[in-house]
Amino acid sequence: MNFRKTQDARMKQLASEGIGVSLKQADPITPEQDNALWESDNLGKASSQAIIHTLFYYNCKLFGLRGHDDHRNLQTSYFHSECGHSSRLYDIYTGYLHSVGQGPFYRRPLEGCKFGTQPIGINKLYSIMKNMCKNAGFEGNFSNHSGKRTSAKSLYHVLSLLICHAQFKNWLRLQTVA
């Protein structure tokens, strides 16, 4: 019993000194890396694998999905396309949804730009972001959490711009009143 208390105290002391403690955080995808993913055809419509990567990455980035459970439980019925606005990303989503029909969102990629009826396996979902970044030649710690960190970083940037804009408008209003 006394040994355990001594060991616990020593471990706490070492941890407070930073010894034996290493944080392993997922790296976010930078805007330059985002462009490189598109240019290297890891994202886009070049193949069914690129389409899956695009959908996975943007489901992380736009909707904050992270864990493989979030992606595994995703259904095609959760997406509705009445926008009418065409963009590269919108066209990929609508083309994919039209191609796979109802059911699980992520389907096994086949040759060309076709998809099977079976959902992608849990282990494949778990490693999509890591493999995509590795294929693009990125160095760092990339995992599915990288998409969520990218989402949070983008949201923080937009919110800080909005706050600056609101403060500037308020400053202008104060200047015209004075």
C-alpha atoms as a PDB file:
ATOM      1  CA  MET A   1       0.000   0.000   0.000  1.00  0.00           C
ATOM      2  CA  ASN A   2       2.796   2.408   0.914  1.00  0.00           C
ATOM      3  CA  PHE A   3       4.648   1.530  -2.314  1.00  0.00           C
ATOM      4  CA  ARG A   4       1.596   2.519  -4.402  1.00  0.00           C
ATOM      5  CA  LYS A   5       1.317   5.897  -2.660  1.00  0.00           C
ATOM      6  CA  THR A   6       5.015   6.549  -3.200  1.00  0.00           C
ATOM      7  CA  GLN A   7       4.791   5.509  -6.844  1.00  0.00           C
ATOM      8  CA  ASP A   8       1.681   7.650  -7.382  1.00  0.00           C
ATOM      9  CA  ALA A   9       3.353  10.677  -5.794  1.00  0.00           C
ATOM     10  CA  ARG A  10       6.472  10.211  -7.945  1.00  0.00           C
ATOM     11  CA  MET A  11       4.407   9.879 -11.131  1.00  0.00           C
ATOM     12  CA  LYS A  12       2.506  13.066 -10.288  1.00  0.00           C
ATOM     13  CA  GLN A  13       5.778  14.896  -9.628  1.00  0.00           C
ATOM     14  CA  LEU A  14       7.274  13.760 -12.946  1.00  0.00           C
ATOM     15  CA  ALA A  15       4.083  14.676 -14.805  1.00  0.00           C
ATOM     16  CA  SER A  16       4.100  18.164 -13.260  1.00  0.00           C
ATOM     17  CA  GLU A  17       7.693  18.542 -14.535  1.00  0.00           C
ATOM     18  CA  GLY A  18       6.546  17.498 -18.006  1.00  0.00           C
ATOM     19  CA  ILE A  19       8.425  14.203 -17.988  1.00  0.00           C
ATOM     20  CA  GLY A  20       6.587  11.311 -19.590  1.00  0.00           C
ATOM     21  CA  VAL A  21       3.792  13.566 -20.779  1.00  0.00           C
ATOM     22  CA  SER A  22       3.432  14.086 -24.489  1.00  0.00           C
ATOM     23  CA  LEU A  23       0.364  15.480 -26.160  1.00  0.00           C
ATOM     24  CA  LYS A  24      -0.386  13.943 -29.504  1.00  0.00           C
ATOM     25  CA  GLN A  25      -2.776  16.248 -31.282  1.00  0.00           C
ATOM     26  CA  ALA A  26      -4.088  15.822 -34.781  1.00  0.00           C
ATOM     27  CA  ASP A  27      -2.845  18.461 -37.196  1.00  0.00           C
ATOM     28  CA  PRO A  28      -5.467  20.555 -38.976  1.00  0.00           C
ATOM     29  CA  ILE A  29      -5.459  20.734 -42.769  1.00  0.00           C
ATOM     30  CA  THR A  30      -4.118  24.118 -43.875  1.00  0.00           C
ATOM     31  CA  PRO A  31      -5.618  26.006 -46.846  1.00  0.00           C
ATOM     32  CA  GLU A  32      -2.451  25.196 -48.827  1.00  0.00           C
ATOM     33  CA  GLN A  33      -2.827  21.500 -48.031  1.00  0.00           C
ATOM     34  CA  ASP A  34      -6.519  21.707 -48.953  1.00  0.00           C
ATOM     35  CA  ASN A  35      -5.512  23.011 -52.395  1.00  0.00           C
ATOM     36  CA  ALA A  36      -2.830  20.325 -52.694  1.00  0.00           C
ATOM     37  CA  LEU A  37      -5.438  17.620 -51.986  1.00  0.00           C
ATOM     38  CA  TRP A  38      -7.547  18.912 -54.886  1.00  0.00           C
ATOM     39  CA  GLU A  39      -4.541  19.285 -57.223  1.00  0.00           C
ATOM     40  CA  SER A  40      -3.270  15.761 -56.466  1.00  0.00           C
ATOM     41  CA  ASP A  41      -6.731  14.279 -57.208  1.00  0.00           C
ATOM     42  CA  ASN A  42      -7.080  13.004 -53.627  1.00  0.00           C
ATOM     43  CA  LEU A  43     -10.213  15.174 -53.635  1.00  0.00           C
ATOM     44  CA  GLY A  44     -12.501  15.629 -56.611  1.00  0.00           C
ATOM     45  CA  LYS A  45     -14.280  13.488 -59.181  1.00  0.00           C
ATOM     46  CA  ALA A  46     -11.299  11.686 -60.737  1.00  0.00           C
ATOM     47  CA  SER A  47     -12.216   8.315 -59.170  1.00  0.00           C
ATOM     48  CA  SER A  48     -14.655   6.755 -56.754  1.00  0.00           C
ATOM     49  CA  GLN A  49     -11.908   6.849 -54.097  1.00  0.00           C
ATOM     50  CA  ALA A  50     -11.429  10.612 -54.642  1.00  0.00           C
ATOM     51  CA  ILE A  51     -15.190  11.129 -54.326  1.00  0.00           C
ATOM     52  CA  ILE A  52     -15.268   9.210 -51.018  1.00  0.00           C
ATOM     53  CA  HIS A  53     -12.283  11.242 -49.769  1.00  0.00           C
ATOM     54  CA  THR A  54     -14.029  14.476 -50.766  1.00  0.00           C
ATOM     55  CA  LEU A  55     -17.260  13.549 -49.036  1.00  0.00           C
ATOM     56  CA  PHE A  56     -15.466  12.375 -45.903  1.00  0.00           C
ATOM     57  CA  TYR A  57     -13.227  15.451 -45.703  1.00  0.00           C
ATOM     58  CA  TYR A  58     -16.052  17.927 -46.212  1.00  0.00           C
ATOM     59  CA  ASN A  59     -18.375  16.080 -43.842  1.00  0.00           C
ATOM     60  CA  CYS A  60     -15.634  16.634 -41.258  1.00  0.00           C
ATOM     61  CA  LYS A  61     -14.863  20.203 -42.281  1.00  0.00           C
ATOM     62  CA  LEU A  62     -18.390  21.502 -42.812  1.00  0.00           C
ATOM     63  CA  PHE A  63     -20.396  19.467 -40.303  1.00  0.00           C
ATOM     64  CA  GLY A  64     -17.773  18.757 -37.654  1.00  0.00           C
ATOM     65  CA  LEU A  65     -18.007  14.977 -37.913  1.00  0.00           C
ATOM     66  CA  ARG A  66     -14.996  13.310 -36.357  1.00  0.00           C
ATOM     67  CA  GLY A  67     -15.203   9.766 -35.111  1.00  0.00           C
ATOM     68  CA  HIS A  68     -15.800   6.782 -37.308  1.00  0.00           C
ATOM     69  CA  ASP A  69     -19.105   6.288 -35.456  1.00  0.00           C
ATOM     70  CA  ASP A  70     -20.304   9.714 -36.638  1.00  0.00           C
ATOM     71  CA  HIS A  71     -19.528   8.716 -40.214  1.00  0.00           C
ATOM     72  CA  ARG A  72     -20.693   5.114 -39.854  1.00  0.00           C
ATOM     73  CA  ASN A  73     -24.176   6.194 -38.714  1.00  0.00           C
ATOM     74  CA  LEU A  74     -24.579   8.733 -41.522  1.00  0.00           C
ATOM     75  CA  GLN A  75     -27.439   8.017 -43.939  1.00  0.00           C
ATOM     76  CA  THR A  76     -28.048   9.413 -47.417  1.00  0.00           C
ATOM     77  CA  SER A  77     -31.508  10.560 -46.275  1.00  0.00           C
ATOM     78  CA  TYR A  78     -29.810  13.151 -44.019  1.00  0.00           C
ATOM     79  CA  PHE A  79     -28.864  15.132 -47.125  1.00  0.00           C
ATOM     80  CA  HIS A  80     -31.348  17.123 -49.149  1.00  0.00           C
ATOM     81  CA  SER A  81     -30.400  19.041 -52.277  1.00  0.00           C
ATOM     82  CA  GLU A  82     -32.745  21.813 -53.308  1.00  0.00           C
ATOM     83  CA  CYS A  83     -30.108  24.480 -53.577  1.00  0.00           C
ATOM     84  CA  GLY A  84     -30.049  24.856 -57.332  1.00  0.00           C
ATOM     85  CA  HIS A  85     -26.658  26.519 -56.906  1.00  0.00           C
ATOM     86  CA  SER A  86     -23.950  24.618 -58.733  1.00  0.00           C
ATOM     87  CA  SER A  87     -20.414  24.388 -57.437  1.00  0.00           C
ATOM     88  CA  ARG A  88     -17.700  21.787 -57.636  1.00  0.00           C
ATOM     89  CA  LEU A  89     -18.517  20.444 -54.166  1.00  0.00           C
ATOM     90  CA  TYR A  90     -22.307  20.601 -54.634  1.00  0.00           C
ATOM     91  CA  ASP A  91     -21.993  18.660 -57.890  1.00  0.00           C
ATOM     92  CA  ILE A  92     -19.941  15.940 -56.166  1.00  0.00           C
ATOM     93  CA  TYR A  93     -22.476  15.564 -53.347  1.00  0.00           C
ATOM     94  CA  THR A  94     -25.532  15.488 -55.625  1.00  0.00           C
ATOM     95  CA  GLY A  95     -23.868  13.148 -58.144  1.00  0.00           C
ATOM     96  CA  TYR A  96     -22.881  10.755 -55.369  1.00  0.00           C
ATOM     97  CA  LEU A  97     -26.282  10.807 -53.679  1.00  0.00           C
ATOM     98  CA  HIS A  98     -27.981  10.168 -57.018  1.00  0.00           C
ATOM     99  CA  SER A  99     -25.572   7.309 -57.724  1.00  0.00           C
ATOM    100  CA  VAL A 100     -25.946   5.424 -54.416  1.00  0.00           C
ATOM    101  CA  GLY A 101     -29.625   6.006 -53.583  1.00  0.00           C
ATOM    102  CA  GLN A 102     -31.016   5.448 -50.078  1.00  0.00           C
ATOM    103  CA  GLY A 103     -29.171   3.774 -47.233  1.00  0.00           C
ATOM    104  CA  PRO A 104     -25.775   4.091 -45.576  1.00  0.00           C
ATOM    105  CA  PHE A 105     -23.900   7.173 -46.754  1.00  0.00           C
ATOM    106  CA  TYR A 106     -20.432   5.765 -47.424  1.00  0.00           C
ATOM    107  CA  ARG A 107     -20.391   2.942 -49.997  1.00  0.00           C
ATOM    108  CA  ARG A 108     -17.482   0.864 -51.161  1.00  0.00           C
ATOM    109  CA  PRO A 109     -15.716   2.482 -54.096  1.00  0.00           C
ATOM    110  CA  LEU A 110     -15.486   0.388 -57.244  1.00  0.00           C
ATOM    111  CA  GLU A 111     -13.510   0.885 -60.460  1.00  0.00           C
ATOM    112  CA  GLY A 112     -14.024   4.216 -62.185  1.00  0.00           C
ATOM    113  CA  CYS A 113     -16.611   6.362 -60.469  1.00  0.00           C
ATOM    114  CA  LYS A 114     -18.970   3.610 -59.367  1.00  0.00           C
ATOM    115  CA  PHE A 115     -19.964   2.450 -55.905  1.00  0.00           C
ATOM    116  CA  GLY A 116     -21.100  -0.840 -54.458  1.00  0.00           C
ATOM    117  CA  THR A 117     -24.155  -1.426 -52.316  1.00  0.00           C
ATOM    118  CA  GLN A 118     -22.129  -2.430 -49.247  1.00  0.00           C
ATOM    119  CA  PRO A 119     -21.101   0.269 -46.784  1.00  0.00           C
ATOM    120  CA  ILE A 120     -17.422   1.014 -46.247  1.00  0.00           C
ATOM    121  CA  GLY A 121     -16.013  -0.981 -43.338  1.00  0.00           C
ATOM    122  CA  ILE A 122     -15.317   0.588 -39.960  1.00  0.00           C
ATOM    123  CA  ASN A 123     -11.530   0.179 -40.296  1.00  0.00           C
ATOM    124  CA  LYS A 124     -11.512   1.939 -43.668  1.00  0.00           C
ATOM    125  CA  LEU A 125     -13.558   4.804 -42.230  1.00  0.00           C
ATOM    126  CA  TYR A 126     -11.130   5.039 -39.338  1.00  0.00           C
ATOM    127  CA  SER A 127      -8.140   5.575 -41.647  1.00  0.00           C
ATOM    128  CA  ILE A 128      -9.504   7.693 -44.534  1.00  0.00           C
ATOM    129  CA  MET A 129      -8.013  11.032 -43.455  1.00  0.00           C
ATOM    130  CA  LYS A 130      -4.663   9.488 -42.518  1.00  0.00           C
ATOM    131  CA  ASN A 131      -4.355   7.637 -45.837  1.00  0.00           C
ATOM    132  CA  MET A 132      -5.531  10.628 -47.870  1.00  0.00           C
ATOM    133  CA  CYS A 133      -2.891  12.897 -46.295  1.00  0.00           C
ATOM    134  CA  LYS A 134      -0.215  10.222 -46.662  1.00  0.00           C
ATOM    135  CA  ASN A 135      -1.061   9.838 -50.373  1.00  0.00           C
ATOM    136  CA  ALA A 136      -0.707  13.601 -50.793  1.00  0.00           C
ATOM    137  CA  GLY A 137       2.737  13.486 -49.160  1.00  0.00           C
ATOM    138  CA  PHE A 138       1.854  15.489 -46.043  1.00  0.00           C
ATOM    139  CA  GLU A 139       4.030  15.095 -42.994  1.00  0.00           C
ATOM    140  CA  GLY A 140       2.480  15.335 -39.557  1.00  0.00           C
ATOM    141  CA  ASN A 141      -0.094  13.686 -37.370  1.00  0.00           C
ATOM    142  CA  PHE A 142      -3.228  13.436 -39.489  1.00  0.00           C
ATOM    143  CA  SER A 143      -6.271  11.473 -38.376  1.00  0.00           C
ATOM    144  CA  ASN A 144     -10.042  11.806 -38.650  1.00  0.00           C
ATOM    145  CA  HIS A 145      -9.770  14.403 -35.892  1.00  0.00           C
ATOM    146  CA  SER A 146      -7.816  16.590 -38.351  1.00  0.00           C
ATOM    147  CA  GLY A 147     -11.102  17.309 -40.131  1.00  0.00           C
ATOM    148  CA  LYS A 148     -12.725  18.474 -36.910  1.00  0.00           C
ATOM    149  CA  ARG A 149      -9.690  20.634 -36.066  1.00  0.00           C
ATOM    150  CA  THR A 150      -9.864  22.122 -39.564  1.00  0.00           C
ATOM    151  CA  SER A 151     -13.571  22.821 -39.030  1.00  0.00           C
ATOM    152  CA  ALA A 152     -12.937  24.491 -35.681  1.00  0.00           C
ATOM    153  CA  LYS A 153     -10.036  26.536 -37.064  1.00  0.00           C
ATOM    154  CA  SER A 154     -12.143  27.719 -40.033  1.00  0.00           C
ATOM    155  CA  LEU A 155     -15.054  28.590 -37.769  1.00  0.00           C
ATOM    156  CA  TYR A 156     -12.771  30.500 -35.397  1.00  0.00           C
ATOM    157  CA  HIS A 157     -11.322  32.458 -38.338  1.00  0.00           C
ATOM    158  CA  VAL A 158     -14.767  33.379 -39.669  1.00  0.00           C
ATOM    159  CA  LEU A 159     -16.055  34.343 -36.226  1.00  0.00           C
ATOM    160  CA  SER A 160     -12.999  36.508 -35.540  1.00  0.00           C
ATOM    161  CA  LEU A 161     -13.553  38.290 -38.872  1.00  0.00           C
ATOM    162  CA  LEU A 162     -17.212  38.867 -37.990  1.00  0.00           C
ATOM    163  CA  ILE A 163     -16.275  40.221 -34.574  1.00  0.00           C
ATOM    164  CA  CYS A 164     -13.688  42.572 -36.103  1.00  0.00           C
ATOM    165  CA  HIS A 165     -16.256  43.712 -38.659  1.00  0.00           C
ATOM    166  CA  ALA A 166     -18.883  44.302 -35.957  1.00  0.00           C
ATOM    167  CA  GLN A 167     -16.376  46.205 -33.821  1.00  0.00           C
ATOM    168  CA  PHE A 168     -15.360  48.328 -36.812  1.00  0.00           C
ATOM    169  CA  LYS A 169     -18.999  49.114 -37.646  1.00  0.00           C
ATOM    170  CA  ASN A 170     -19.605  50.020 -34.002  1.00  0.00           C
ATOM    171  CA  TRP A 171     -16.499  52.239 -34.049  1.00  0.00           C
ATOM    172  CA  LEU A 172     -17.791  53.948 -37.214  1.00  0.00           C
ATOM    173  CA  ARG A 173     -21.169  54.479 -35.584  1.00  0.00           C
ATOM    174  CA  LEU A 174     -19.480  56.040 -32.556  1.00  0.00           C
ATOM    175  CA  GLN A 175     -17.416  58.311 -34.801  1.00  0.00           C
ATOM    176  CA  THR A 176     -20.500  59.638 -36.630  1.00  0.00           C
ATOM    177  CA  VAL A 177     -22.350  60.289 -33.359  1.00  0.00           C
ATOM    178  CA  ALA A 178     -19.501  62.206 -31.734  1.00  0.00           C
END
